[in-house]
Amino acid sequence: MTSKSTSAAPKVYQNRLSYRNRIARVLWAVVWSTLYRFSPTPLFGWRIFLLRCFGARMGPHSLPYPDCRIWAPWNLTMEAHSCLANQVDCYCVDEIVVGEYATVSQQAMLCTATHDYNDPEFRLITRPIVIGARAWVAAKAFVGPGVTIGEGAVVGAAACVFRDVEDWTVVGGNPARPLKKRILNTKPASEE
């Protein structure tokens, strides 16, 4: 058998994001790597201030942790009491909304962009992510472009979500599949 050798030069794909976007991301990268990332954990107000300076919409008592990587703050909305934990990768090329009391745990990835692999230009495709109120995206989970995580839903640890998750549903696996319904315990701990 003979094998064909292809020595074609690798294709360089055109960046379709504006120069303004690229400059803003460079400025944000400098601020993130100096003033944001090394701020002490309790200084949530400081990080909220920095994110707002770059266009993020931040609700009261939101909790952006210092080692949470945010690609473009102007595409981020964190509603009241929401949380982005340490080592979350918030790849917000498109809009990401984190609802009230929602939590995204350590090392989870929220990814709003992909590429059209059938296109010779390998075009960028973006779609927003919405995480509903009181939802929980557990550690090391992946949430893909265009996904809505319903109110009160739980995405299990290391799950990969490529489709919407219904309200109050627990999902897990790769690809994520419904496991059961979530039922909130409304009794105080002292009554159990």
C-alpha atoms as a PDB file:
ATOM      1  CA  MET A   1       0.000   0.000   0.000  1.00  0.00           C
ATOM      2  CA  THR A   2       1.169   3.448  -0.772  1.00  0.00           C
ATOM      3  CA  SER A   3       0.237   6.370   1.374  1.00  0.00           C
ATOM      4  CA  LYS A   4      -0.332   9.827   0.070  1.00  0.00           C
ATOM      5  CA  SER A   5       1.498  12.606   1.794  1.00  0.00           C
ATOM      6  CA  THR A   6      -0.278  15.903   2.060  1.00  0.00           C
ATOM      7  CA  SER A   7       2.030  18.785   2.649  1.00  0.00           C
ATOM      8  CA  ALA A   8      -0.550  21.554   2.270  1.00  0.00           C
ATOM      9  CA  ALA A   9       0.002  24.523   4.540  1.00  0.00           C
ATOM     10  CA  PRO A  10      -2.447  24.798   7.420  1.00  0.00           C
ATOM     11  CA  LYS A  11      -5.350  27.147   6.736  1.00  0.00           C
ATOM     12  CA  VAL A  12      -5.473  30.312   8.790  1.00  0.00           C
ATOM     13  CA  TYR A  13      -9.058  31.281   9.565  1.00  0.00           C
ATOM     14  CA  GLN A  14     -10.180  34.877   9.559  1.00  0.00           C
ATOM     15  CA  ASN A  15     -11.237  36.308  12.913  1.00  0.00           C
ATOM     16  CA  ARG A  16     -14.753  37.645  12.426  1.00  0.00           C
ATOM     17  CA  LEU A  17     -14.840  39.581  15.695  1.00  0.00           C
ATOM     18  CA  SER A  18     -14.387  43.332  15.463  1.00  0.00           C
ATOM     19  CA  TYR A  19     -11.154  45.146  16.303  1.00  0.00           C
ATOM     20  CA  ARG A  20     -13.046  46.943  19.070  1.00  0.00           C
ATOM     21  CA  ASN A  21     -13.997  43.556  20.547  1.00  0.00           C
ATOM     22  CA  ARG A  22     -10.400  42.333  20.369  1.00  0.00           C
ATOM     23  CA  ILE A  23      -9.016  45.502  21.974  1.00  0.00           C
ATOM     24  CA  ALA A  24     -11.608  45.311  24.760  1.00  0.00           C
ATOM     25  CA  ARG A  25     -10.668  41.674  25.398  1.00  0.00           C
ATOM     26  CA  VAL A  26      -6.978  42.568  25.627  1.00  0.00           C
ATOM     27  CA  LEU A  27      -7.760  45.334  28.139  1.00  0.00           C
ATOM     28  CA  TRP A  28      -9.997  42.975  30.110  1.00  0.00           C
ATOM     29  CA  ALA A  29      -7.290  40.280  30.103  1.00  0.00           C
ATOM     30  CA  VAL A  30      -4.864  42.753  31.692  1.00  0.00           C
ATOM     31  CA  VAL A  31      -7.413  43.789  34.342  1.00  0.00           C
ATOM     32  CA  TRP A  32      -8.473  40.178  34.992  1.00  0.00           C
ATOM     33  CA  SER A  33      -4.909  38.912  35.372  1.00  0.00           C
ATOM     34  CA  THR A  34      -3.852  41.701  37.735  1.00  0.00           C
ATOM     35  CA  LEU A  35      -6.716  43.370  39.615  1.00  0.00           C
ATOM     36  CA  TYR A  36      -9.431  40.715  39.427  1.00  0.00           C
ATOM     37  CA  ARG A  37      -7.771  37.310  39.721  1.00  0.00           C
ATOM     38  CA  PHE A  38      -5.506  38.130  42.659  1.00  0.00           C
ATOM     39  CA  SER A  39      -8.158  39.903  44.739  1.00  0.00           C
ATOM     40  CA  PRO A  40      -8.923  38.196  48.073  1.00  0.00           C
ATOM     41  CA  THR A  41     -11.981  35.917  47.921  1.00  0.00           C
ATOM     42  CA  PRO A  42     -14.205  38.063  50.213  1.00  0.00           C
ATOM     43  CA  LEU A  43     -13.861  41.130  47.908  1.00  0.00           C
ATOM     44  CA  PHE A  44     -16.898  40.326  45.761  1.00  0.00           C
ATOM     45  CA  GLY A  45     -17.829  44.022  45.610  1.00  0.00           C
ATOM     46  CA  TRP A  46     -14.461  44.841  44.029  1.00  0.00           C
ATOM     47  CA  ARG A  47     -14.849  42.170  41.355  1.00  0.00           C
ATOM     48  CA  ILE A  48     -18.439  43.258  40.683  1.00  0.00           C
ATOM     49  CA  PHE A  49     -17.148  46.809  40.204  1.00  0.00           C
ATOM     50  CA  LEU A  50     -14.490  45.641  37.729  1.00  0.00           C
ATOM     51  CA  LEU A  51     -16.995  43.527  35.793  1.00  0.00           C
ATOM     52  CA  ARG A  52     -19.445  46.445  35.628  1.00  0.00           C
ATOM     53  CA  CYS A  53     -16.665  48.693  34.308  1.00  0.00           C
ATOM     54  CA  PHE A  54     -16.471  46.280  31.354  1.00  0.00           C
ATOM     55  CA  GLY A  55     -20.242  46.161  30.794  1.00  0.00           C
ATOM     56  CA  ALA A  56     -21.380  43.163  32.858  1.00  0.00           C
ATOM     57  CA  ARG A  57     -24.848  43.383  34.376  1.00  0.00           C
ATOM     58  CA  MET A  58     -24.439  42.354  38.000  1.00  0.00           C
ATOM     59  CA  GLY A  59     -27.291  41.810  40.452  1.00  0.00           C
ATOM     60  CA  PRO A  60     -27.019  42.524  44.157  1.00  0.00           C
ATOM     61  CA  HIS A  61     -25.068  39.996  46.204  1.00  0.00           C
ATOM     62  CA  SER A  62     -23.826  38.127  43.126  1.00  0.00           C
ATOM     63  CA  LEU A  63     -20.686  36.089  43.772  1.00  0.00           C
ATOM     64  CA  PRO A  64     -18.042  36.113  41.032  1.00  0.00           C
ATOM     65  CA  TYR A  65     -15.078  34.267  42.527  1.00  0.00           C
ATOM     66  CA  PRO A  66     -11.523  35.477  41.824  1.00  0.00           C
ATOM     67  CA  ASP A  67     -10.378  32.512  39.757  1.00  0.00           C
ATOM     68  CA  CYS A  68     -13.445  32.449  37.500  1.00  0.00           C
ATOM     69  CA  ARG A  69     -12.325  33.101  33.919  1.00  0.00           C
ATOM     70  CA  ILE A  70     -14.714  35.420  32.063  1.00  0.00           C
ATOM     71  CA  TRP A  71     -13.987  35.865  28.355  1.00  0.00           C
ATOM     72  CA  ALA A  72     -16.070  39.016  27.619  1.00  0.00           C
ATOM     73  CA  PRO A  73     -17.772  40.633  30.641  1.00  0.00           C
ATOM     74  CA  TRP A  74     -20.051  42.748  28.422  1.00  0.00           C
ATOM     75  CA  ASN A  75     -21.851  39.485  27.509  1.00  0.00           C
ATOM     76  CA  LEU A  76     -22.399  38.417  31.139  1.00  0.00           C
ATOM     77  CA  THR A  77     -25.481  38.905  33.314  1.00  0.00           C
ATOM     78  CA  MET A  78     -25.436  37.645  36.904  1.00  0.00           C
ATOM     79  CA  GLU A  79     -28.717  38.128  38.727  1.00  0.00           C
ATOM     80  CA  ALA A  80     -29.100  38.526  42.510  1.00  0.00           C
ATOM     81  CA  HIS A  81     -27.327  35.953  44.696  1.00  0.00           C
ATOM     82  CA  SER A  82     -25.963  34.020  41.697  1.00  0.00           C
ATOM     83  CA  CYS A  83     -22.516  32.429  41.849  1.00  0.00           C
ATOM     84  CA  LEU A  84     -19.645  31.676  39.450  1.00  0.00           C
ATOM     85  CA  ALA A  85     -17.196  29.594  41.492  1.00  0.00           C
ATOM     86  CA  ASN A  86     -13.420  29.373  41.190  1.00  0.00           C
ATOM     87  CA  GLN A  87     -12.066  27.896  37.948  1.00  0.00           C
ATOM     88  CA  VAL A  88     -15.359  28.279  36.085  1.00  0.00           C
ATOM     89  CA  ASP A  89     -14.623  28.975  32.417  1.00  0.00           C
ATOM     90  CA  CYS A  90     -17.250  31.444  31.269  1.00  0.00           C
ATOM     91  CA  TYR A  91     -16.606  31.550  27.505  1.00  0.00           C
ATOM     92  CA  CYS A  92     -19.160  34.268  26.788  1.00  0.00           C
ATOM     93  CA  VAL A  93     -18.590  35.056  23.117  1.00  0.00           C
ATOM     94  CA  ASP A  94     -22.398  35.398  23.178  1.00  0.00           C
ATOM     95  CA  GLU A  95     -24.702  36.297  26.078  1.00  0.00           C
ATOM     96  CA  ILE A  96     -24.651  34.253  29.302  1.00  0.00           C
ATOM     97  CA  VAL A  97     -27.358  34.842  31.901  1.00  0.00           C
ATOM     98  CA  VAL A  98     -27.039  33.299  35.378  1.00  0.00           C
ATOM     99  CA  GLY A  99     -30.405  33.526  37.159  1.00  0.00           C
ATOM    100  CA  GLU A 100     -31.178  34.423  40.763  1.00  0.00           C
ATOM    101  CA  TYR A 101     -29.684  32.034  43.323  1.00  0.00           C
ATOM    102  CA  ALA A 102     -28.165  29.901  40.532  1.00  0.00           C
ATOM    103  CA  THR A 103     -24.748  28.343  41.127  1.00  0.00           C
ATOM    104  CA  VAL A 104     -22.074  27.304  38.651  1.00  0.00           C
ATOM    105  CA  SER A 105     -19.548  25.137  40.515  1.00  0.00           C
ATOM    106  CA  GLN A 106     -15.784  24.712  40.217  1.00  0.00           C
ATOM    107  CA  GLN A 107     -14.263  23.905  36.822  1.00  0.00           C
ATOM    108  CA  ALA A 108     -17.587  23.981  34.966  1.00  0.00           C
ATOM    109  CA  MET A 109     -17.493  25.395  31.435  1.00  0.00           C
ATOM    110  CA  LEU A 110     -20.159  27.600  29.909  1.00  0.00           C
ATOM    111  CA  CYS A 111     -19.378  27.704  26.175  1.00  0.00           C
ATOM    112  CA  THR A 112     -21.418  29.957  23.863  1.00  0.00           C
ATOM    113  CA  ALA A 113     -19.384  29.407  20.690  1.00  0.00           C
ATOM    114  CA  THR A 114     -18.412  26.697  18.263  1.00  0.00           C
ATOM    115  CA  HIS A 115     -17.422  26.475  14.599  1.00  0.00           C
ATOM    116  CA  ASP A 116     -19.210  25.193  11.526  1.00  0.00           C
ATOM    117  CA  TYR A 117     -16.932  22.255  10.745  1.00  0.00           C
ATOM    118  CA  ASN A 118     -18.659  21.731   7.353  1.00  0.00           C
ATOM    119  CA  ASP A 119     -17.768  25.244   6.229  1.00  0.00           C
ATOM    120  CA  PRO A 120     -14.387  25.608   4.479  1.00  0.00           C
ATOM    121  CA  GLU A 121     -14.040  28.960   6.290  1.00  0.00           C
ATOM    122  CA  PHE A 122     -14.702  27.231   9.661  1.00  0.00           C
ATOM    123  CA  ARG A 123     -17.082  30.073  10.586  1.00  0.00           C
ATOM    124  CA  LEU A 124     -17.730  30.974  14.204  1.00  0.00           C
ATOM    125  CA  ILE A 125     -21.244  30.180  15.447  1.00  0.00           C
ATOM    126  CA  THR A 126     -22.484  31.696  18.718  1.00  0.00           C
ATOM    127  CA  ARG A 127     -25.653  31.147  20.721  1.00  0.00           C
ATOM    128  CA  PRO A 128     -26.547  32.371  24.229  1.00  0.00           C
ATOM    129  CA  ILE A 129     -26.729  30.287  27.400  1.00  0.00           C
ATOM    130  CA  VAL A 130     -29.390  30.869  30.071  1.00  0.00           C
ATOM    131  CA  ILE A 131     -29.142  29.305  33.519  1.00  0.00           C
ATOM    132  CA  GLY A 132     -32.472  29.587  35.296  1.00  0.00           C
ATOM    133  CA  ALA A 133     -33.136  30.763  38.828  1.00  0.00           C
ATOM    134  CA  ARG A 134     -32.091  28.301  41.554  1.00  0.00           C
ATOM    135  CA  ALA A 135     -30.386  26.006  39.051  1.00  0.00           C
ATOM    136  CA  TRP A 136     -27.098  24.291  39.837  1.00  0.00           C
ATOM    137  CA  VAL A 137     -24.395  23.420  37.316  1.00  0.00           C
ATOM    138  CA  ALA A 138     -22.144  21.042  39.263  1.00  0.00           C
ATOM    139  CA  ALA A 139     -18.353  20.722  39.139  1.00  0.00           C
ATOM    140  CA  LYS A 140     -16.649  20.054  35.789  1.00  0.00           C
ATOM    141  CA  ALA A 141     -19.938  20.126  33.845  1.00  0.00           C
ATOM    142  CA  PHE A 142     -20.005  21.436  30.257  1.00  0.00           C
ATOM    143  CA  VAL A 143     -22.895  23.546  28.945  1.00  0.00           C
ATOM    144  CA  GLY A 144     -22.876  24.080  25.185  1.00  0.00           C
ATOM    145  CA  PRO A 145     -24.038  26.939  22.945  1.00  0.00           C
ATOM    146  CA  GLY A 146     -27.733  27.755  22.867  1.00  0.00           C
ATOM    147  CA  VAL A 147     -28.629  25.726  25.969  1.00  0.00           C
ATOM    148  CA  THR A 148     -31.178  26.847  28.547  1.00  0.00           C
ATOM    149  CA  ILE A 149     -30.909  25.236  31.968  1.00  0.00           C
ATOM    150  CA  GLY A 150     -34.407  25.477  33.441  1.00  0.00           C
ATOM    151  CA  GLU A 151     -35.401  26.944  36.778  1.00  0.00           C
ATOM    152  CA  GLY A 152     -34.273  24.736  39.654  1.00  0.00           C
ATOM    153  CA  ALA A 153     -32.600  22.221  37.345  1.00  0.00           C
ATOM    154  CA  VAL A 154     -29.422  20.371  38.349  1.00  0.00           C
ATOM    155  CA  VAL A 155     -26.641  19.452  35.931  1.00  0.00           C
ATOM    156  CA  GLY A 156     -24.630  16.652  37.543  1.00  0.00           C
ATOM    157  CA  ALA A 157     -20.863  16.719  37.964  1.00  0.00           C
ATOM    158  CA  ALA A 158     -18.934  16.226  34.706  1.00  0.00           C
ATOM    159  CA  ALA A 159     -22.161  16.121  32.653  1.00  0.00           C
ATOM    160  CA  CYS A 160     -22.135  17.467  29.086  1.00  0.00           C
ATOM    161  CA  VAL A 161     -25.287  19.382  28.173  1.00  0.00           C
ATOM    162  CA  PHE A 162     -26.063  20.070  24.517  1.00  0.00           C
ATOM    163  CA  ARG A 163     -29.872  20.420  24.767  1.00  0.00           C
ATOM    164  CA  ASP A 164     -32.189  22.403  27.012  1.00  0.00           C
ATOM    165  CA  VAL A 165     -32.858  21.051  30.500  1.00  0.00           C
ATOM    166  CA  GLU A 166     -36.433  21.248  31.792  1.00  0.00           C
ATOM    167  CA  ASP A 167     -37.308  23.069  35.008  1.00  0.00           C
ATOM    168  CA  TRP A 168     -36.648  21.124  38.239  1.00  0.00           C
ATOM    169  CA  THR A 169     -34.971  18.221  36.412  1.00  0.00           C
ATOM    170  CA  VAL A 170     -31.699  16.516  37.389  1.00  0.00           C
ATOM    171  CA  VAL A 171     -29.518  15.481  34.439  1.00  0.00           C
ATOM    172  CA  GLY A 172     -26.204  13.671  34.215  1.00  0.00           C
ATOM    173  CA  GLY A 173     -23.866  11.867  31.837  1.00  0.00           C
ATOM    174  CA  ASN A 174     -22.377  12.551  28.417  1.00  0.00           C
ATOM    175  CA  PRO A 175     -24.534  13.513  26.687  1.00  0.00           C
ATOM    176  CA  ALA A 176     -26.653  14.558  29.658  1.00  0.00           C
ATOM    177  CA  ARG A 177     -29.916  12.670  30.117  1.00  0.00           C
ATOM    178  CA  PRO A 178     -32.751  13.244  32.600  1.00  0.00           C
ATOM    179  CA  LEU A 179     -32.235  11.218  35.791  1.00  0.00           C
ATOM    180  CA  LYS A 180     -35.084  12.374  38.029  1.00  0.00           C
ATOM    181  CA  LYS A 181     -37.119  15.361  39.143  1.00  0.00           C
ATOM    182  CA  ARG A 182     -35.772  17.702  41.792  1.00  0.00           C
ATOM    183  CA  ILE A 183     -38.011  18.202  44.813  1.00  0.00           C
ATOM    184  CA  LEU A 184     -37.137  21.028  47.178  1.00  0.00           C
ATOM    185  CA  ASN A 185     -37.318  20.257  50.868  1.00  0.00           C
ATOM    186  CA  THR A 186     -39.283  23.205  52.220  1.00  0.00           C
ATOM    187  CA  LYS A 187     -39.125  22.047  55.855  1.00  0.00           C
ATOM    188  CA  PRO A 188     -36.579  23.775  58.079  1.00  0.00           C
ATOM    189  CA  ALA A 189     -33.688  21.490  59.068  1.00  0.00           C
ATOM    190  CA  SER A 190     -34.843  21.632  62.724  1.00  0.00           C
ATOM    191  CA  GLU A 191     -38.118  19.866  61.826  1.00  0.00           C
ATOM    192  CA  GLU A 192     -36.489  16.857  60.128  1.00  0.00           C
END
